[in-house]
Each structure stands twice: as C-alpha cells, then as structure tokens.
C-alpha cells in the first residue's frame, strides 16, 4: 500500500520503514510535518501558519535527521509558535 495508507488523519502517519521504501515525493506525517523525499535523500519541512501567512521551516536533511528527531524538532518549534513567537525568527536569533 501507499505510505500511511489506512492510518487516521491525525499525527504520525509515517513510519521509518515506509519512508525508506518510499519513492521520491512529498509525504505528510501530520501536524504540519512533511518529508520531501528525493533519490539522494530528502528534507524535513514543518509548515505552519502565523499571522495568516503560511510558512515552511526546514528542520534538517533525511536520513541525517530521523523521523523521531524531526517530530521532536517540530514539537519544539510548535511550542515556540504557541508562545506567540515566530519559530523562524527565533531560530535565526539562536544561531
């Protein structure tokens, strides 16, 4: 079946095994986390909305950053967003 087939529409639709087997494409894990997979790897992106604008925040390269690590990163930045701060601006400030 396809990646995440038969799984609910909530969070955590992907599995590490399914990702490894998946063809290049865009795969949604839920809560804004997605993997943009290519032949040579891929990248994790978290899509969120702030002040009515959609933002895409890169979280890291797959497979260097695992699915579990990408979820942790997404959750960390979602807390920043929930506290009223802009995750991308906050990350720039941390650098």
PDB file of N, CA and C in Angstrom:
ATOM      1  N   UNK A   1       0.820  -1.195   0.000  1.00  0.00           N
ATOM      2  CA  UNK A   1       0.000   0.000   0.000  1.00  0.00           C
ATOM      3  C   UNK A   1       0.856   1.248   0.000  1.00  0.00           C
ATOM      4  N   UNK A   2       0.209   2.395  -0.029  1.00  0.00           N
ATOM      5  CA  UNK A   2       0.944   3.660  -0.035  1.00  0.00           C
ATOM      6  C   UNK A   2       1.396   4.011   1.368  1.00  0.00           C
ATOM      7  N   UNK A   3       2.301   4.953   1.468  1.00  0.00           N
ATOM      8  CA  UNK A   3       2.805   5.396   2.764  1.00  0.00           C
ATOM      9  C   UNK A   3       1.637   5.954   3.571  1.00  0.00           C
ATOM     10  N   UNK A   4       1.456   5.432   4.778  1.00  0.00           N
ATOM     11  CA  UNK A   4       0.416   5.945   5.653  1.00  0.00           C
ATOM     12  C   UNK A   4      -0.993   5.503   5.302  1.00  0.00           C
ATOM     13  N   UNK A   5      -1.140   4.553   4.383  1.00  0.00           N
ATOM     14  CA  UNK A   5      -2.477   4.109   3.989  1.00  0.00           C
ATOM     15  C   UNK A   5      -3.209   3.506   5.184  1.00  0.00           C
ATOM     16  N   UNK A   6      -4.463   3.858   5.327  1.00  0.00           N
ATOM     17  CA  UNK A   6      -5.291   3.275   6.365  1.00  0.00           C
ATOM     18  C   UNK A   6      -5.071   3.880   7.740  1.00  0.00           C
ATOM     19  N   UNK A   7      -4.174   4.832   7.853  1.00  0.00           N
ATOM     20  CA  UNK A   7      -3.914   5.457   9.143  1.00  0.00           C
ATOM     21  C   UNK A   7      -4.796   6.691   9.250  1.00  0.00           C
ATOM     22  N   UNK A   8      -5.178   7.038  10.463  1.00  0.00           N
ATOM     23  CA  UNK A   8      -6.049   8.193  10.678  1.00  0.00           C
ATOM     24  C   UNK A   8      -5.433   9.477  10.154  1.00  0.00           C
ATOM     25  N   UNK A   9      -6.207  10.521  10.160  1.00  0.00           N
ATOM     26  CA  UNK A   9      -5.744  11.789   9.597  1.00  0.00           C
ATOM     27  C   UNK A   9      -4.984  12.622  10.615  1.00  0.00           C
ATOM     28  N   UNK A  10      -4.754  12.100  11.815  1.00  0.00           N
ATOM     29  CA  UNK A  10      -4.055  12.854  12.841  1.00  0.00           C
ATOM     30  C   UNK A  10      -2.559  12.869  12.631  1.00  0.00           C
ATOM     31  N   UNK A  11      -1.823  12.855  13.748  1.00  0.00           N
ATOM     32  CA  UNK A  11      -0.377  12.918  13.688  1.00  0.00           C
ATOM     33  C   UNK A  11       0.210  11.530  13.449  1.00  0.00           C
ATOM     34  N   UNK A  12       1.484  11.526  13.081  1.00  0.00           N
ATOM     35  CA  UNK A  12       2.277  10.298  12.989  1.00  0.00           C
ATOM     36  C   UNK A  12       1.728   9.304  11.973  1.00  0.00           C
ATOM     37  N   UNK A  13       1.607   9.755  10.755  1.00  0.00           N
ATOM     38  CA  UNK A  13       1.146   8.878   9.681  1.00  0.00           C
ATOM     39  C   UNK A  13       2.292   8.079   9.085  1.00  0.00           C
ATOM     40  N   UNK A  14       3.532   8.585   9.198  1.00  0.00           N
ATOM     41  CA  UNK A  14       4.674   7.929   8.571  1.00  0.00           C
ATOM     42  C   UNK A  14       5.337   6.948   9.525  1.00  0.00           C
ATOM     43  N   UNK A  15       6.066   5.992   8.937  1.00  0.00           N
ATOM     44  CA  UNK A  15       6.931   5.119   9.719  1.00  0.00           C
ATOM     45  C   UNK A  15       8.306   5.161   9.066  1.00  0.00           C
ATOM     46  N   UNK A  16       9.341   4.913   9.853  1.00  0.00           N
ATOM     47  CA  UNK A  16      10.709   4.936   9.328  1.00  0.00           C
ATOM     48  C   UNK A  16      10.862   3.912   8.203  1.00  0.00           C
ATOM     49  N   UNK A  17      10.240   2.744   8.355  1.00  0.00           N
ATOM     50  CA  UNK A  17      10.322   1.689   7.340  1.00  0.00           C
ATOM     51  C   UNK A  17       9.663   2.131   6.039  1.00  0.00           C
ATOM     52  N   UNK A  18       8.481   2.740   6.144  1.00  0.00           N
ATOM     53  CA  UNK A  18       7.756   3.192   4.955  1.00  0.00           C
ATOM     54  C   UNK A  18       8.539   4.284   4.235  1.00  0.00           C
ATOM     55  N   UNK A  19       9.183   5.170   5.001  1.00  0.00           N
ATOM     56  CA  UNK A  19       9.958   6.251   4.388  1.00  0.00           C
ATOM     57  C   UNK A  19      11.109   5.678   3.563  1.00  0.00           C
ATOM     58  N   UNK A  20      11.827   4.714   4.132  1.00  0.00           N
ATOM     59  CA  UNK A  20      12.963   4.118   3.406  1.00  0.00           C
ATOM     60  C   UNK A  20      12.506   3.489   2.095  1.00  0.00           C
ATOM     61  N   UNK A  21      11.336   2.880   2.099  1.00  0.00           N
ATOM     62  CA  UNK A  21      10.829   2.181   0.915  1.00  0.00           C
ATOM     63  C   UNK A  21      10.151   3.116  -0.084  1.00  0.00           C
ATOM     64  N   UNK A  22       9.815   4.326   0.347  1.00  0.00           N
ATOM     65  CA  UNK A  22       9.009   5.234  -0.481  1.00  0.00           C
ATOM     66  C   UNK A  22       9.803   5.781  -1.671  1.00  0.00           C
ATOM     67  N   UNK A  23       9.072   6.006  -2.747  1.00  0.00           N
ATOM     68  CA  UNK A  23       9.649   6.664  -3.912  1.00  0.00           C
ATOM     69  C   UNK A  23       9.758   8.160  -3.642  1.00  0.00           C
ATOM     70  N   UNK A  24      10.540   8.892  -4.458  1.00  0.00           N
ATOM     71  CA  UNK A  24      10.611  10.345  -4.275  1.00  0.00           C
ATOM     72  C   UNK A  24       9.216  10.980  -4.321  1.00  0.00           C
ATOM     73  N   UNK A  25       9.009  11.964  -3.477  1.00  0.00           N
ATOM     74  CA  UNK A  25       7.718  12.640  -3.419  1.00  0.00           C
ATOM     75  C   UNK A  25       7.592  13.380  -2.102  1.00  0.00           C
ATOM     76  N   UNK A  26       6.409  13.893  -1.835  1.00  0.00           N
ATOM     77  CA  UNK A  26       6.128  14.613  -0.602  1.00  0.00           C
ATOM     78  C   UNK A  26       5.232  13.742   0.259  1.00  0.00           C
ATOM     79  N   UNK A  27       5.639  13.556   1.514  1.00  0.00           N
ATOM     80  CA  UNK A  27       4.906  12.696   2.437  1.00  0.00           C
ATOM     81  C   UNK A  27       4.571  13.464   3.701  1.00  0.00           C
ATOM     82  N   UNK A  28       3.289  13.438   4.066  1.00  0.00           N
ATOM     83  CA  UNK A  28       2.799  14.164   5.238  1.00  0.00           C
ATOM     84  C   UNK A  28       2.796  13.229   6.443  1.00  0.00           C
ATOM     85  N   UNK A  29       3.350  13.710   7.562  1.00  0.00           N
ATOM     86  CA  UNK A  29       3.293  12.946   8.811  1.00  0.00           C
ATOM     87  C   UNK A  29       2.153  13.433   9.689  1.00  0.00           C
ATOM     88  N   UNK A  30       1.709  14.650   9.470  1.00  0.00           N
ATOM     89  CA  UNK A  30       0.653  15.222  10.300  1.00  0.00           C
ATOM     90  C   UNK A  30       1.195  16.398  11.099  1.00  0.00           C
ATOM     91  N   UNK A  31       0.307  17.247  11.576  1.00  0.00           N
ATOM     92  CA  UNK A  31       0.651  18.438  12.360  1.00  0.00           C
ATOM     93  C   UNK A  31       1.691  19.301  11.636  1.00  0.00           C
ATOM     94  N   UNK A  32       1.602  19.326  10.302  1.00  0.00           N
ATOM     95  CA  UNK A  32       2.457  20.204   9.511  1.00  0.00           C
ATOM     96  C   UNK A  32       3.806  19.626   9.118  1.00  0.00           C
ATOM     97  N   UNK A  33       4.167  18.454   9.655  1.00  0.00           N
ATOM     98  CA  UNK A  33       5.468  17.868   9.343  1.00  0.00           C
ATOM     99  C   UNK A  33       5.392  17.086   8.039  1.00  0.00           C
ATOM    100  N   UNK A  34       6.355  17.351   7.142  1.00  0.00           N
ATOM    101  CA  UNK A  34       6.385  16.589   5.892  1.00  0.00           C
ATOM    102  C   UNK A  34       7.818  16.289   5.484  1.00  0.00           C
ATOM    103  N   UNK A  35       7.942  15.227   4.717  1.00  0.00           N
ATOM    104  CA  UNK A  35       9.229  14.833   4.159  1.00  0.00           C
ATOM    105  C   UNK A  35       9.175  15.056   2.658  1.00  0.00           C
ATOM    106  N   UNK A  36      10.140  15.822   2.150  1.00  0.00           N
ATOM    107  CA  UNK A  36      10.287  15.997   0.709  1.00  0.00           C
ATOM    108  C   UNK A  36      11.391  15.028   0.309  1.00  0.00           C
ATOM    109  N   UNK A  37      10.999  13.862  -0.207  1.00  0.00           N
ATOM    110  CA  UNK A  37      11.965  12.801  -0.481  1.00  0.00           C
ATOM    111  C   UNK A  37      12.455  12.875  -1.917  1.00  0.00           C
ATOM    112  N   UNK A  38      13.771  12.691  -2.074  1.00  0.00           N
ATOM    113  CA  UNK A  38      14.403  12.644  -3.389  1.00  0.00           C
ATOM    114  C   UNK A  38      15.181  11.342  -3.503  1.00  0.00           C
ATOM    115  N   UNK A  39      15.724  11.100  -4.684  1.00  0.00           N
ATOM    116  CA  UNK A  39      16.527   9.889  -4.894  1.00  0.00           C
ATOM    117  C   UNK A  39      17.713   9.848  -3.942  1.00  0.00           C
ATOM    118  N   UNK A  40      18.318  11.023  -3.677  1.00  0.00           N
ATOM    119  CA  UNK A  40      19.558  11.086  -2.899  1.00  0.00           C
ATOM    120  C   UNK A  40      19.338  11.452  -1.434  1.00  0.00           C
ATOM    121  N   UNK A  41      18.131  11.315  -0.941  1.00  0.00           N
ATOM    122  CA  UNK A  41      17.833  11.669   0.443  1.00  0.00           C
ATOM    123  C   UNK A  41      16.556  12.471   0.504  1.00  0.00           C
ATOM    124  N   UNK A  42      16.569  13.527   1.272  1.00  0.00           N
ATOM    125  CA  UNK A  42      15.366  14.330   1.371  1.00  0.00           C
ATOM    126  C   UNK A  42      15.520  15.388   2.431  1.00  0.00           C
ATOM    127  N   UNK A  43      14.443  16.104   2.695  1.00  0.00           N
ATOM    128  CA  UNK A  43      14.479  17.123   3.736  1.00  0.00           C
ATOM    129  C   UNK A  43      13.149  17.166   4.471  1.00  0.00           C
ATOM    130  N   UNK A  44      13.262  17.448   5.768  1.00  0.00           N
ATOM    131  CA  UNK A  44      12.087  17.607   6.621  1.00  0.00           C
ATOM    132  C   UNK A  44      11.674  19.066   6.617  1.00  0.00           C
ATOM    133  N   UNK A  45      10.379  19.304   6.459  1.00  0.00           N
ATOM    134  CA  UNK A  45       9.847  20.661   6.467  1.00  0.00           C
ATOM    135  C   UNK A  45       8.640  20.684   7.398  1.00  0.00           C
ATOM    136  N   UNK A  46       8.563  21.747   8.190  1.00  0.00           N
ATOM    137  CA  UNK A  46       7.391  21.957   9.038  1.00  0.00           C
ATOM    138  C   UNK A  46       6.635  23.156   8.479  1.00  0.00           C
ATOM    139  N   UNK A  47       5.382  22.932   8.115  1.00  0.00           N
ATOM    140  CA  UNK A  47       4.529  24.002   7.588  1.00  0.00           C
ATOM    141  C   UNK A  47       3.604  24.466   8.703  1.00  0.00           C
ATOM    142  N   UNK A  48       3.640  25.763   8.953  1.00  0.00           N
ATOM    143  CA  UNK A  48       2.785  26.325   9.993  1.00  0.00           C
ATOM    144  C   UNK A  48       2.210  27.642   9.509  1.00  0.00           C
ATOM    145  N   UNK A  49       1.253  28.153  10.262  1.00  0.00           N
ATOM    146  CA  UNK A  49       0.639  29.424   9.904  1.00  0.00           C
ATOM    147  C   UNK A  49       0.825  30.399  11.047  1.00  0.00           C
ATOM    148  N   UNK A  50       1.211  31.629  10.699  1.00  0.00           N
ATOM    149  CA  UNK A  50       1.378  32.691  11.700  1.00  0.00           C
ATOM    150  C   UNK A  50       0.899  33.994  11.074  1.00  0.00           C
ATOM    151  N   UNK A  51       0.056  34.700  11.793  1.00  0.00           N
ATOM    152  CA  UNK A  51      -0.497  35.974  11.307  1.00  0.00           C
ATOM    153  C   UNK A  51      -1.129  35.812   9.928  1.00  0.00           C
ATOM    154  N   UNK A  52      -1.809  34.684   9.724  1.00  0.00           N
ATOM    155  CA  UNK A  52      -2.494  34.442   8.458  1.00  0.00           C
ATOM    156  C   UNK A  52      -1.586  34.074   7.301  1.00  0.00           C
ATOM    157  N   UNK A  53      -0.290  33.923   7.557  1.00  0.00           N
ATOM    158  CA  UNK A  53       0.658  33.570   6.488  1.00  0.00           C
ATOM    159  C   UNK A  53       1.173  32.162   6.691  1.00  0.00           C
ATOM    160  N   UNK A  54       1.247  31.417   5.595  1.00  0.00           N
ATOM    161  CA  UNK A  54       1.799  30.073   5.660  1.00  0.00           C
ATOM    162  C   UNK A  54       3.317  30.164   5.578  1.00  0.00           C
ATOM    163  N   UNK A  55       4.007  29.470   6.464  1.00  0.00           N
ATOM    164  CA  UNK A  55       5.471  29.465   6.475  1.00  0.00           C
ATOM    165  C   UNK A  55       5.952  28.023   6.390  1.00  0.00           C
ATOM    166  N   UNK A  56       7.050  27.812   5.696  1.00  0.00           N
ATOM    167  CA  UNK A  56       7.681  26.500   5.646  1.00  0.00           C
ATOM    168  C   UNK A  56       9.053  26.621   6.286  1.00  0.00           C
ATOM    169  N   UNK A  57       9.307  25.832   7.312  1.00  0.00           N
ATOM    170  CA  UNK A  57      10.564  25.878   8.054  1.00  0.00           C
ATOM    171  C   UNK A  57      11.309  24.562   7.851  1.00  0.00           C
ATOM    172  N   UNK A  58      12.500  24.635   7.289  1.00  0.00           N
ATOM    173  CA  UNK A  58      13.319  23.441   7.124  1.00  0.00           C
ATOM    174  C   UNK A  58      13.824  22.970   8.471  1.00  0.00           C
ATOM    175  N   UNK A  59      13.723  21.673   8.725  1.00  0.00           N
ATOM    176  CA  UNK A  59      14.158  21.117  10.009  1.00  0.00           C
ATOM    177  C   UNK A  59      15.459  20.339   9.894  1.00  0.00           C
ATOM    178  N   UNK A  60      15.787  19.874   8.695  1.00  0.00           N
ATOM    179  CA  UNK A  60      17.014  19.109   8.522  1.00  0.00           C
ATOM    180  C   UNK A  60      16.891  18.102   7.393  1.00  0.00           C
ATOM    181  N   UNK A  61      18.031  17.477   7.085  1.00  0.00           N
ATOM    182  CA  UNK A  61      18.066  16.504   5.998  1.00  0.00           C
ATOM    183  C   UNK A  61      17.711  15.104   6.485  1.00  0.00           C
ATOM    184  N   UNK A  62      16.957  14.393   5.671  1.00  0.00           N
ATOM    185  CA  UNK A  62      16.726  12.973   5.900  1.00  0.00           C
ATOM    186  C   UNK A  62      17.714  12.231   5.007  1.00  0.00           C
ATOM    187  N   UNK A  63      18.404  11.185   5.444  1.00  0.00           N
ATOM    188  CA  UNK A  63      18.193  10.457   6.707  1.00  0.00           C
ATOM    189  C   UNK A  63      19.055  10.929   7.875  1.00  0.00           C
ATOM    190  N   UNK A  64      19.811  12.023   7.725  1.00  0.00           N
ATOM    191  CA  UNK A  64      20.623  12.522   8.847  1.00  0.00           C
ATOM    192  C   UNK A  64      19.746  12.787  10.070  1.00  0.00           C
ATOM    193  N   UNK A  65      18.571  13.349   9.838  1.00  0.00           N
ATOM    194  CA  UNK A  65      17.596  13.603  10.892  1.00  0.00           C
ATOM    195  C   UNK A  65      16.507  12.539  10.749  1.00  0.00           C
ATOM    196  N   UNK A  66      16.348  11.711  11.769  1.00  0.00           N
ATOM    197  CA  UNK A  66      15.369  10.620  11.712  1.00  0.00           C
ATOM    198  C   UNK A  66      13.946  11.163  11.825  1.00  0.00           C
ATOM    199  N   UNK A  67      12.984  10.305  11.568  1.00  0.00           N
ATOM    200  CA  UNK A  67      11.573  10.666  11.716  1.00  0.00           C
ATOM    201  C   UNK A  67      11.300  11.113  13.155  1.00  0.00           C
ATOM    202  N   UNK A  68      11.801  10.355  14.141  1.00  0.00           N
ATOM    203  CA  UNK A  68      11.573  10.705  15.553  1.00  0.00           C
ATOM    204  C   UNK A  68      12.198  12.059  15.880  1.00  0.00           C
ATOM    205  N   UNK A  69      13.407  12.312  15.364  1.00  0.00           N
ATOM    206  CA  UNK A  69      14.071  13.590  15.616  1.00  0.00           C
ATOM    207  C   UNK A  69      13.326  14.741  14.942  1.00  0.00           C
ATOM    208  N   UNK A  70      12.809  14.496  13.739  1.00  0.00           N
ATOM    209  CA  UNK A  70      12.040  15.526  13.030  1.00  0.00           C
ATOM    210  C   UNK A  70      10.775  15.863  13.810  1.00  0.00           C
ATOM    211  N   UNK A  71      10.123  14.850  14.376  1.00  0.00           N
ATOM    212  CA  UNK A  71       8.922  15.096  15.185  1.00  0.00           C
ATOM    213  C   UNK A  71       9.271  15.919  16.420  1.00  0.00           C
ATOM    214  N   UNK A  72      10.398  15.597  17.068  1.00  0.00           N
ATOM    215  CA  UNK A  72      10.819  16.362  18.250  1.00  0.00           C
ATOM    216  C   UNK A  72      11.091  17.812  17.886  1.00  0.00           C
ATOM    217  N   UNK A  73      11.761  18.021  16.749  1.00  0.00           N
ATOM    218  CA  UNK A  73      12.063  19.382  16.298  1.00  0.00           C
ATOM    219  C   UNK A  73      10.767  20.137  16.016  1.00  0.00           C
ATOM    220  N   UNK A  74       9.841  19.477  15.318  1.00  0.00           N
ATOM    221  CA  UNK A  74       8.538  20.103  15.025  1.00  0.00           C
ATOM    222  C   UNK A  74       7.836  20.485  16.326  1.00  0.00           C
ATOM    223  N   UNK A  75       7.831  19.583  17.296  1.00  0.00           N
ATOM    224  CA  UNK A  75       7.146  19.856  18.565  1.00  0.00           C
ATOM    225  C   UNK A  75       7.795  21.025  19.291  1.00  0.00           C
ATOM    226  N   UNK A  76       9.128  21.088  19.248  1.00  0.00           N
ATOM    227  CA  UNK A  76       9.850  22.182  19.907  1.00  0.00           C
ATOM    228  C   UNK A  76       9.462  23.521  19.284  1.00  0.00           C
ATOM    229  N   UNK A  77       9.466  23.581  17.945  1.00  0.00           N
ATOM    230  CA  UNK A  77       9.138  24.849  17.282  1.00  0.00           C
ATOM    231  C   UNK A  77       7.657  25.175  17.397  1.00  0.00           C
ATOM    232  N   UNK A  78       6.803  24.149  17.495  1.00  0.00           N
ATOM    233  CA  UNK A  78       5.371  24.389  17.692  1.00  0.00           C
ATOM    234  C   UNK A  78       5.135  25.052  19.053  1.00  0.00           C
ATOM    235  N   UNK A  79       5.942  24.691  20.066  1.00  0.00           N
ATOM    236  CA  UNK A  79       5.835  25.347  21.379  1.00  0.00           C
ATOM    237  C   UNK A  79       6.232  26.814  21.277  1.00  0.00           C
ATOM    238  N   UNK A  80       7.280  27.098  20.502  1.00  0.00           N
ATOM    239  CA  UNK A  80       7.704  28.485  20.283  1.00  0.00           C
ATOM    240  C   UNK A  80       6.551  29.274  19.641  1.00  0.00           C
ATOM    241  N   UNK A  81       5.939  28.667  18.615  1.00  0.00           N
ATOM    242  CA  UNK A  81       4.812  29.307  17.927  1.00  0.00           C
ATOM    243  C   UNK A  81       3.655  29.542  18.899  1.00  0.00           C
ATOM    244  N   UNK A  82       3.352  28.536  19.717  1.00  0.00           N
ATOM    245  CA  UNK A  82       2.240  28.638  20.671  1.00  0.00           C
ATOM    246  C   UNK A  82       2.486  29.735  21.705  1.00  0.00           C
ATOM    247  N   UNK A  83       3.755  30.033  21.978  1.00  0.00           N
ATOM    248  CA  UNK A  83       4.079  31.077  22.958  1.00  0.00           C
ATOM    249  C   UNK A  83       4.018  32.470  22.336  1.00  0.00           C
ATOM    250  N   UNK A  84       3.663  32.531  21.034  1.00  0.00           N
ATOM    251  CA  UNK A  84       3.487  33.822  20.386  1.00  0.00           C
ATOM    252  C   UNK A  84       4.710  34.309  19.621  1.00  0.00           C
ATOM    253  N   UNK A  85       5.779  33.508  19.583  1.00  0.00           N
ATOM    254  CA  UNK A  85       6.993  33.912  18.870  1.00  0.00           C
ATOM    255  C   UNK A  85       7.052  33.221  17.514  1.00  0.00           C
ATOM    256  N   UNK A  86       7.796  33.816  16.586  1.00  0.00           N
ATOM    257  CA  UNK A  86       7.948  33.257  15.243  1.00  0.00           C
ATOM    258  C   UNK A  86       9.108  32.259  15.250  1.00  0.00           C
ATOM    259  N   UNK A  87       8.834  30.974  14.974  1.00  0.00           N
ATOM    260  CA  UNK A  87       9.892  29.967  15.022  1.00  0.00           C
ATOM    261  C   UNK A  87      11.098  30.272  14.126  1.00  0.00           C
ATOM    262  N   UNK A  88      10.873  30.774  12.926  1.00  0.00           N
ATOM    263  CA  UNK A  88      11.999  31.039  12.012  1.00  0.00           C
ATOM    264  C   UNK A  88      12.861  32.180  12.567  1.00  0.00           C
ATOM    265  N   UNK A  89      12.225  33.238  13.053  1.00  0.00           N
ATOM    266  CA  UNK A  89      12.974  34.351  13.640  1.00  0.00           C
ATOM    267  C   UNK A  89      13.712  33.897  14.899  1.00  0.00           C
ATOM    268  N   UNK A  90      13.073  33.044  15.666  1.00  0.00           N
ATOM    269  CA  UNK A  90      13.686  32.526  16.903  1.00  0.00           C
ATOM    270  C   UNK A  90      14.919  31.687  16.585  1.00  0.00           C
ATOM    271  N   UNK A  91      14.841  30.863  15.550  1.00  0.00           N
ATOM    272  CA  UNK A  91      15.981  30.038  15.157  1.00  0.00           C
ATOM    273  C   UNK A  91      17.136  30.910  14.691  1.00  0.00           C
ATOM    274  N   UNK A  92      16.828  31.963  13.920  1.00  0.00           N
ATOM    275  CA  UNK A  92      17.874  32.892  13.462  1.00  0.00           C
ATOM    276  C   UNK A  92      18.574  33.538  14.650  1.00  0.00           C
ATOM    277  N   UNK A  93      17.782  33.883  15.673  1.00  0.00           N
ATOM    278  CA  UNK A  93      18.360  34.527  16.844  1.00  0.00           C
ATOM    279  C   UNK A  93      19.291  33.566  17.598  1.00  0.00           C
ATOM    280  N   UNK A  94      18.934  32.266  17.591  1.00  0.00           N
ATOM    281  CA  UNK A  94      19.753  31.258  18.285  1.00  0.00           C
ATOM    282  C   UNK A  94      21.080  31.004  17.585  1.00  0.00           C
ATOM    283  N   UNK A  95      21.142  31.246  16.276  1.00  0.00           N
ATOM    284  CA  UNK A  95      22.351  30.925  15.504  1.00  0.00           C
ATOM    285  C   UNK A  95      23.515  31.795  15.903  1.00  0.00           C
TER     286      UNK A  95
END
